[in-house]
Amino acid sequence: MSVKAQVKSADNRAAYHLGRIAAEVSPRAKARMAAEWQMAETRRLEGDALDAAVVEMTRVAREMNERSRP
């Protein structure tokens, strides 16, 4: 697949997922859709990029966990 096709594909995926997120009414549903998009994008990563994504997702989850504590 050419670079131009990869860019177009990524743009199309982003538009699709952003549309799904915007269409949701519930903030929790929006968060779930965003997490699903993130997980879908990790399928395209390998090696160090995938490791970095795991570290970033773990950081966000920990930060959210800290916020939920009284």
N, C-alpha and C. Protein backbone atom coordinates (compact mmCIF):
# COMPACT_ATOMS: atom_id res chain seq x y z
N MET A 1 0.85 -1.17 0.00
CA MET A 1 0.00 0.00 0.00
C MET A 1 0.90 1.24 0.00
N SER A 2 0.59 2.17 -0.84
CA SER A 2 1.40 3.38 -0.94
C SER A 2 1.20 4.27 0.29
N VAL A 3 2.11 5.18 0.46
CA VAL A 3 2.01 6.12 1.59
C VAL A 3 0.75 6.95 1.45
N LYS A 4 0.44 7.37 0.24
CA LYS A 4 -0.76 8.17 0.00
C LYS A 4 -2.02 7.38 0.40
N ALA A 5 -2.06 6.11 0.06
CA ALA A 5 -3.20 5.27 0.42
C ALA A 5 -3.28 5.05 1.93
N GLN A 6 -2.13 4.91 2.57
CA GLN A 6 -2.11 4.74 4.03
C GLN A 6 -2.63 5.99 4.73
N VAL A 7 -2.24 7.15 4.22
CA VAL A 7 -2.71 8.42 4.81
C VAL A 7 -4.22 8.53 4.64
N LYS A 8 -4.71 8.22 3.45
CA LYS A 8 -6.15 8.29 3.19
C LYS A 8 -6.90 7.31 4.08
N SER A 9 -6.37 6.11 4.24
CA SER A 9 -6.99 5.11 5.09
C SER A 9 -7.06 5.59 6.54
N ALA A 10 -5.97 6.16 7.04
CA ALA A 10 -5.94 6.69 8.41
C ALA A 10 -6.93 7.84 8.57
N ASP A 11 -7.00 8.70 7.57
CA ASP A 11 -7.97 9.81 7.61
C ASP A 11 -9.40 9.28 7.65
N ASN A 12 -9.67 8.26 6.85
CA ASN A 12 -11.02 7.67 6.83
C ASN A 12 -11.36 7.02 8.16
N ARG A 13 -10.39 6.31 8.76
CA ARG A 13 -10.63 5.70 10.07
C ARG A 13 -10.90 6.76 11.12
N ALA A 14 -10.13 7.83 11.08
CA ALA A 14 -10.32 8.91 12.05
C ALA A 14 -11.70 9.54 11.89
N ALA A 15 -12.10 9.82 10.67
CA ALA A 15 -13.41 10.42 10.42
C ALA A 15 -14.53 9.50 10.92
N TYR A 16 -14.39 8.21 10.65
CA TYR A 16 -15.38 7.23 11.09
C TYR A 16 -15.51 7.23 12.61
N HIS A 17 -14.38 7.11 13.30
CA HIS A 17 -14.42 7.02 14.76
C HIS A 17 -14.84 8.35 15.40
N LEU A 18 -14.39 9.45 14.86
CA LEU A 18 -14.81 10.74 15.41
C LEU A 18 -16.31 10.94 15.23
N GLY A 19 -16.85 10.47 14.11
CA GLY A 19 -18.29 10.53 13.88
C GLY A 19 -19.06 9.69 14.88
N ARG A 20 -18.55 8.49 15.16
CA ARG A 20 -19.20 7.62 16.14
C ARG A 20 -19.17 8.25 17.53
N ILE A 21 -18.03 8.84 17.89
CA ILE A 21 -17.91 9.47 19.20
C ILE A 21 -18.87 10.65 19.30
N ALA A 22 -18.91 11.49 18.28
CA ALA A 22 -19.78 12.66 18.29
C ALA A 22 -21.26 12.28 18.33
N ALA A 23 -21.61 11.15 17.75
CA ALA A 23 -23.01 10.72 17.71
C ALA A 23 -23.53 10.23 19.05
N GLU A 24 -22.65 9.85 19.93
CA GLU A 24 -23.08 9.35 21.24
C GLU A 24 -23.54 10.51 22.12
N VAL A 25 -24.55 10.25 22.90
CA VAL A 25 -25.09 11.26 23.81
C VAL A 25 -24.42 11.16 25.18
N SER A 26 -24.24 9.95 25.64
CA SER A 26 -23.68 9.71 26.97
C SER A 26 -22.17 9.95 26.99
N PRO A 27 -21.68 10.69 27.98
CA PRO A 27 -20.23 10.88 28.10
C PRO A 27 -19.49 9.55 28.28
N ARG A 28 -20.09 8.61 28.98
CA ARG A 28 -19.45 7.30 29.16
C ARG A 28 -19.38 6.54 27.84
N ALA A 29 -20.42 6.65 27.05
CA ALA A 29 -20.41 6.01 25.73
C ALA A 29 -19.34 6.64 24.85
N LYS A 30 -19.18 7.95 24.94
CA LYS A 30 -18.12 8.63 24.19
C LYS A 30 -16.75 8.12 24.62
N ALA A 31 -16.56 7.96 25.92
CA ALA A 31 -15.29 7.44 26.44
C ALA A 31 -15.05 6.02 25.95
N ARG A 32 -16.09 5.19 25.95
CA ARG A 32 -15.96 3.82 25.47
C ARG A 32 -15.60 3.79 23.99
N MET A 33 -16.24 4.64 23.20
CA MET A 33 -15.94 4.70 21.76
C MET A 33 -14.49 5.15 21.53
N ALA A 34 -14.03 6.11 22.32
CA ALA A 34 -12.65 6.57 22.19
C ALA A 34 -11.67 5.46 22.53
N ALA A 35 -11.98 4.70 23.58
CA ALA A 35 -11.11 3.58 23.97
C ALA A 35 -11.12 2.49 22.89
N GLU A 36 -12.28 2.25 22.29
CA GLU A 36 -12.36 1.26 21.22
C GLU A 36 -11.53 1.70 20.00
N TRP A 37 -11.56 2.99 19.71
CA TRP A 37 -10.77 3.51 18.60
C TRP A 37 -9.28 3.31 18.90
N GLN A 38 -8.89 3.62 20.11
CA GLN A 38 -7.49 3.46 20.50
C GLN A 38 -7.07 2.00 20.36
N MET A 39 -7.89 1.08 20.82
CA MET A 39 -7.56 -0.34 20.70
C MET A 39 -7.50 -0.77 19.24
N ALA A 40 -8.40 -0.26 18.42
CA ALA A 40 -8.39 -0.61 17.00
C ALA A 40 -7.09 -0.14 16.33
N GLU A 41 -6.61 1.01 16.71
CA GLU A 41 -5.38 1.55 16.11
C GLU A 41 -4.15 0.77 16.55
N THR A 42 -4.18 0.15 17.72
CA THR A 42 -3.01 -0.61 18.17
C THR A 42 -2.77 -1.84 17.30
N ARG A 43 -3.79 -2.30 16.57
CA ARG A 43 -3.60 -3.43 15.67
C ARG A 43 -2.60 -3.12 14.57
N ARG A 44 -2.39 -1.85 14.29
CA ARG A 44 -1.48 -1.45 13.22
C ARG A 44 -0.07 -1.18 13.72
N LEU A 45 0.15 -1.33 15.02
CA LEU A 45 1.45 -1.05 15.60
C LEU A 45 2.24 -2.33 15.85
N GLU A 46 3.54 -2.19 15.85
CA GLU A 46 4.42 -3.31 16.16
C GLU A 46 5.62 -2.81 16.94
N GLY A 47 6.29 -3.70 17.63
CA GLY A 47 7.55 -3.40 18.30
C GLY A 47 7.49 -2.25 19.27
N ASP A 48 8.43 -1.31 19.11
CA ASP A 48 8.56 -0.17 20.03
C ASP A 48 7.31 0.71 20.02
N ALA A 49 6.69 0.87 18.87
CA ALA A 49 5.48 1.70 18.79
C ALA A 49 4.35 1.09 19.63
N LEU A 50 4.22 -0.23 19.58
CA LEU A 50 3.20 -0.89 20.38
C LEU A 50 3.54 -0.80 21.87
N ASP A 51 4.80 -0.98 22.21
CA ASP A 51 5.24 -0.85 23.60
C ASP A 51 4.94 0.55 24.12
N ALA A 52 5.21 1.56 23.32
CA ALA A 52 4.96 2.95 23.71
C ALA A 52 3.46 3.19 23.90
N ALA A 53 2.64 2.60 23.04
CA ALA A 53 1.19 2.75 23.18
C ALA A 53 0.70 2.13 24.48
N VAL A 54 1.24 0.97 24.82
CA VAL A 54 0.85 0.30 26.08
C VAL A 54 1.23 1.17 27.27
N VAL A 55 2.42 1.73 27.24
CA VAL A 55 2.87 2.61 28.34
C VAL A 55 1.94 3.82 28.45
N GLU A 56 1.59 4.43 27.33
CA GLU A 56 0.72 5.60 27.34
C GLU A 56 -0.69 5.25 27.83
N MET A 57 -1.24 4.14 27.37
CA MET A 57 -2.58 3.74 27.81
C MET A 57 -2.57 3.42 29.30
N THR A 58 -1.50 2.79 29.79
CA THR A 58 -1.38 2.48 31.21
C THR A 58 -1.29 3.77 32.02
N ARG A 59 -0.54 4.74 31.52
CA ARG A 59 -0.43 6.03 32.22
C ARG A 59 -1.79 6.70 32.34
N VAL A 60 -2.55 6.71 31.25
CA VAL A 60 -3.88 7.33 31.27
C VAL A 60 -4.80 6.59 32.24
N ALA A 61 -4.78 5.26 32.22
CA ALA A 61 -5.62 4.48 33.13
C ALA A 61 -5.26 4.75 34.58
N ARG A 62 -3.97 4.83 34.87
CA ARG A 62 -3.55 5.12 36.26
C ARG A 62 -4.02 6.52 36.68
N GLU A 63 -3.88 7.49 35.78
CA GLU A 63 -4.30 8.85 36.08
C GLU A 63 -5.81 8.89 36.35
N MET A 64 -6.57 8.19 35.55
CA MET A 64 -8.02 8.14 35.76
C MET A 64 -8.35 7.44 37.06
N ASN A 65 -7.62 6.39 37.40
CA ASN A 65 -7.83 5.68 38.64
C ASN A 65 -7.56 6.60 39.84
N GLU A 66 -6.52 7.38 39.75
CA GLU A 66 -6.19 8.32 40.84
C GLU A 66 -7.30 9.37 41.00
N ARG A 67 -7.84 9.83 39.89
CA ARG A 67 -8.92 10.83 39.95
C ARG A 67 -10.19 10.28 40.58
N SER A 68 -10.39 8.96 40.45
CA SER A 68 -11.64 8.37 40.96
C SER A 68 -11.57 8.08 42.46
N ARG A 69 -10.41 8.28 43.04
CA ARG A 69 -10.29 8.01 44.48
C ARG A 69 -10.79 9.22 45.27
N PRO A 70 -11.42 8.92 46.41
CA PRO A 70 -11.93 10.03 47.26
C PRO A 70 -10.79 10.82 47.90
